[in-house]
Amino acid sequence: MNDEDAAPMLHFDKFLLLLVRSDNDIPRACREVREFLAFRDARFPTIHQAHNDEFVGIWVDPLVVGSPPELLGHTSASDHRAYRTSESFGSNGIWLLCWLDAALGSSSVDLGALRESLVSALVEQRTLQPHHTPPQFAPVFDAADGLAHIFLQTERLRTLFAEVIGKPLTWNRTTGSIRRVVEFEHAEASSEVDD
């Protein structure tokens, strides 16, 4: 593994998780979240620039958007983390942007491990409310992350949660833009052809 493949260790106060009602709502949700974050940062620059928020993923699940859990995961000494929703903002049951923080955790976090733990907590929460529509998690990476890192982290998530992981996205924290990773889709299509 080279330095580009290694998951970065970051310091941040909160991380962002976008809850979306359906796959069809993702483009709208991404556009509206970008507009909301731009407005928030322009209106209250000193408050929000103090935080180093990291966008970790989009959870597509109609059940969770309507009634998001306040706490996710276990609270135990065996390194299980509990995630607490500290703030949220949404649009008419279509999407809900949540600022989460780890109730039990350090300020230095490997985002790969955080995504794994978060998806595990979301899947566990989902089993308490069975529904005919399967949930999906689209990992979101920083726009500056290399393709090798994005591919490695996404494949790791797919190994652990095969039926739940969707295609990765990138987030440009300067512009607020959330985009599909086109190179990832080409690499995926190429491997399907090779199989």
Protein backbone atom coordinates (compact mmCIF):
# COMPACT_ATOMS: atom_id res chain seq x y z
CA MET A 1 0.00 0.00 0.00
CA ASN A 2 1.42 3.41 -0.88
CA ASP A 3 0.72 6.77 0.74
CA GLU A 4 -2.06 7.55 -1.74
CA ASP A 5 -3.93 4.37 -0.74
CA ALA A 6 -3.72 5.04 2.99
CA ALA A 7 -6.79 6.47 4.65
CA PRO A 8 -6.06 9.97 5.93
CA MET A 9 -6.09 10.71 9.63
CA LEU A 10 -8.05 13.90 10.10
CA HIS A 11 -9.14 16.17 12.89
CA PHE A 12 -12.66 17.54 12.72
CA ASP A 13 -15.49 18.50 15.02
CA LYS A 14 -18.40 16.93 13.17
CA PHE A 15 -19.02 14.96 10.03
CA LEU A 16 -21.84 15.22 7.53
CA LEU A 17 -24.22 12.46 6.52
CA LEU A 18 -26.95 13.14 3.98
CA LEU A 19 -30.12 11.08 4.37
CA VAL A 20 -32.12 10.85 1.12
CA ARG A 21 -35.56 9.37 0.46
CA SER A 22 -34.72 7.60 -2.84
CA ASP A 23 -32.07 7.24 -5.55
CA ASN A 24 -34.12 9.55 -7.76
CA ASP A 25 -33.84 12.30 -5.13
CA ILE A 26 -30.02 12.27 -4.94
CA PRO A 27 -29.40 14.87 -7.71
CA ARG A 28 -31.93 17.28 -6.19
CA ALA A 29 -30.64 16.67 -2.67
CA CYS A 30 -27.03 17.27 -3.72
CA ARG A 31 -27.94 20.51 -5.51
CA GLU A 32 -30.02 21.83 -2.60
CA VAL A 33 -27.42 20.82 0.00
CA ARG A 34 -24.73 22.63 -2.01
CA GLU A 35 -26.92 25.75 -2.11
CA PHE A 36 -27.74 25.51 1.59
CA LEU A 37 -24.09 25.09 2.64
CA ALA A 38 -23.03 28.01 0.40
CA PHE A 39 -25.74 30.20 1.94
CA ARG A 40 -24.83 29.11 5.47
CA ASP A 41 -21.13 29.76 4.95
CA ALA A 42 -21.78 33.17 3.33
CA ARG A 43 -24.25 34.23 6.00
CA PHE A 44 -22.31 32.97 9.03
CA PRO A 45 -18.68 32.66 7.88
CA THR A 46 -16.93 32.91 11.23
CA ILE A 47 -19.12 30.30 12.92
CA HIS A 48 -18.81 27.61 10.26
CA GLN A 49 -15.20 28.18 9.18
CA ALA A 50 -14.13 27.19 12.68
CA HIS A 51 -15.40 23.65 12.00
CA ASN A 52 -13.58 21.18 9.77
CA ASP A 53 -16.65 19.22 8.68
CA GLU A 54 -16.05 16.12 6.61
CA PHE A 55 -18.78 14.75 4.30
CA VAL A 56 -18.66 10.95 4.63
CA GLY A 57 -21.68 9.62 2.77
CA ILE A 58 -25.26 9.55 1.58
CA TRP A 59 -27.68 7.04 3.10
CA VAL A 60 -30.65 6.35 0.82
CA ASP A 61 -33.55 5.13 2.93
CA PRO A 62 -37.14 6.42 2.97
CA LEU A 63 -37.64 5.37 6.60
CA VAL A 64 -34.75 7.31 8.08
CA VAL A 65 -35.42 10.64 6.36
CA GLY A 66 -38.81 10.95 8.05
CA SER A 67 -37.61 9.98 11.51
CA PRO A 68 -33.81 10.07 11.80
CA PRO A 69 -32.26 8.35 14.79
CA GLU A 70 -30.69 10.63 17.37
CA LEU A 71 -28.12 8.00 18.30
CA LEU A 72 -26.54 5.27 16.18
CA GLY A 73 -24.36 2.34 17.19
CA HIS A 74 -23.25 0.76 20.43
CA THR A 75 -21.75 2.48 23.40
CA SER A 76 -19.28 -0.02 24.78
CA ALA A 77 -15.64 -0.28 25.71
CA SER A 78 -14.91 -2.57 22.73
CA ASP A 79 -14.30 0.36 20.33
CA HIS A 80 -17.89 0.46 19.11
CA ARG A 81 -18.81 4.07 18.55
CA ALA A 82 -22.06 5.80 19.12
CA TYR A 83 -22.90 8.56 16.68
CA ARG A 84 -25.04 11.40 17.87
CA THR A 85 -26.94 13.84 15.64
CA SER A 86 -26.01 17.31 16.85
CA GLU A 87 -27.75 19.31 14.08
CA SER A 88 -29.86 18.61 11.02
CA PHE A 89 -31.47 20.53 8.19
CA GLY A 90 -33.79 19.12 5.56
CA SER A 91 -36.35 19.57 2.83
CA ASN A 92 -39.89 18.19 3.12
CA GLY A 93 -39.04 14.57 3.88
CA ILE A 94 -36.94 14.34 0.70
CA TRP A 95 -33.50 14.82 2.26
CA LEU A 96 -31.99 15.59 5.62
CA LEU A 97 -28.41 16.76 6.17
CA CYS A 98 -27.12 15.64 9.55
CA TRP A 99 -24.08 16.80 11.47
CA LEU A 100 -22.96 13.80 13.48
CA ASP A 101 -20.29 13.45 16.08
CA ALA A 102 -18.93 10.42 17.85
CA ALA A 103 -20.20 10.23 21.40
CA LEU A 104 -17.27 7.94 22.19
CA GLY A 105 -14.27 8.81 20.11
CA SER A 106 -11.12 10.77 19.71
CA SER A 107 -10.68 13.87 17.60
CA SER A 108 -8.30 11.98 15.29
CA VAL A 109 -10.23 9.70 12.96
CA ASP A 110 -9.46 7.37 10.08
CA LEU A 111 -12.33 8.15 7.70
CA GLY A 112 -12.30 4.62 6.27
CA ALA A 113 -12.90 3.13 9.72
CA LEU A 114 -15.47 5.83 10.47
CA ARG A 115 -17.45 4.98 7.30
CA GLU A 116 -17.33 1.25 8.13
CA SER A 117 -18.53 1.83 11.67
CA LEU A 118 -21.23 4.26 10.52
CA VAL A 119 -22.58 1.91 7.82
CA SER A 120 -22.62 -0.91 10.37
CA ALA A 121 -24.63 1.27 12.77
CA LEU A 122 -27.03 2.35 10.00
CA VAL A 123 -27.57 -1.26 8.86
CA GLU A 124 -28.17 -2.34 12.45
CA GLN A 125 -30.67 0.51 12.97
CA ARG A 126 -32.39 -0.49 9.71
CA THR A 127 -32.93 -4.09 10.84
CA LEU A 128 -35.08 -2.72 13.66
CA GLN A 129 -37.45 -1.25 11.02
CA PRO A 130 -37.76 -3.75 8.16
CA HIS A 131 -39.04 -2.35 4.87
CA HIS A 132 -39.31 -3.66 1.32
CA THR A 133 -36.92 -1.05 -0.12
CA PRO A 134 -33.27 -1.92 0.57
CA PRO A 135 -31.15 0.96 1.88
CA GLN A 136 -27.98 2.10 0.12
CA PHE A 137 -24.86 3.97 1.22
CA ALA A 138 -22.91 6.08 -1.28
CA PRO A 139 -19.52 6.92 0.21
CA VAL A 140 -18.50 10.55 -0.26
CA PHE A 141 -14.81 11.45 -0.52
CA ASP A 142 -12.95 14.74 -0.63
CA ALA A 143 -12.58 15.98 -4.21
CA ALA A 144 -8.80 16.02 -3.73
CA ASP A 145 -8.63 12.31 -2.85
CA GLY A 146 -6.92 10.18 -5.48
CA LEU A 147 -8.80 7.59 -7.52
CA ALA A 148 -6.71 4.76 -6.03
CA HIS A 149 -7.76 5.79 -2.50
CA ILE A 150 -11.44 6.12 -3.49
CA PHE A 151 -11.39 2.74 -5.25
CA LEU A 152 -9.65 1.00 -2.31
CA GLN A 153 -11.99 2.45 0.30
CA THR A 154 -15.14 1.73 -1.76
CA GLU A 155 -14.09 -1.86 -2.43
CA ARG A 156 -13.36 -2.35 1.28
CA LEU A 157 -16.90 -1.16 2.10
CA ARG A 158 -18.35 -3.46 -0.59
CA THR A 159 -16.46 -6.41 0.91
CA LEU A 160 -18.05 -5.70 4.29
CA PHE A 161 -21.51 -4.58 3.14
CA ALA A 162 -21.95 -6.06 -0.34
CA GLU A 163 -25.64 -5.29 -0.90
CA VAL A 164 -25.60 -1.80 0.61
CA ILE A 165 -22.72 0.12 -0.99
CA GLY A 166 -23.44 2.30 -4.01
CA LYS A 167 -21.14 4.24 -6.30
CA PRO A 168 -18.79 6.75 -4.66
CA LEU A 169 -19.12 10.51 -4.92
CA THR A 170 -16.75 13.40 -4.27
CA TRP A 171 -17.37 16.62 -2.38
CA ASN A 172 -15.56 19.85 -3.09
CA ARG A 173 -15.68 21.69 0.22
CA THR A 174 -14.88 25.03 -1.47
CA THR A 175 -17.71 24.97 -4.00
CA GLY A 176 -20.00 22.52 -2.17
CA SER A 177 -20.28 20.48 -5.36
CA ILE A 178 -21.08 16.76 -4.97
CA ARG A 179 -20.18 14.73 -8.06
CA ARG A 180 -20.05 11.15 -9.32
CA VAL A 181 -16.58 9.65 -9.75
CA VAL A 182 -16.63 9.06 -13.50
CA GLU A 183 -13.20 7.34 -13.51
CA PHE A 184 -14.50 4.86 -10.93
CA GLU A 185 -17.46 4.00 -13.13
CA HIS A 186 -15.14 3.47 -16.12
CA ALA A 187 -12.86 1.21 -14.06
CA GLU A 188 -15.90 -0.72 -12.81
CA ALA A 189 -17.29 -1.13 -16.33
CA SER A 190 -13.88 -2.29 -17.57
CA SER A 191 -13.66 -4.96 -14.85
CA GLU A 192 -17.18 -6.18 -15.70
CA VAL A 193 -16.13 -6.57 -19.34
CA ASP A 194 -12.97 -8.43 -18.29
CA ASP A 195 -14.89 -10.89 -16.06
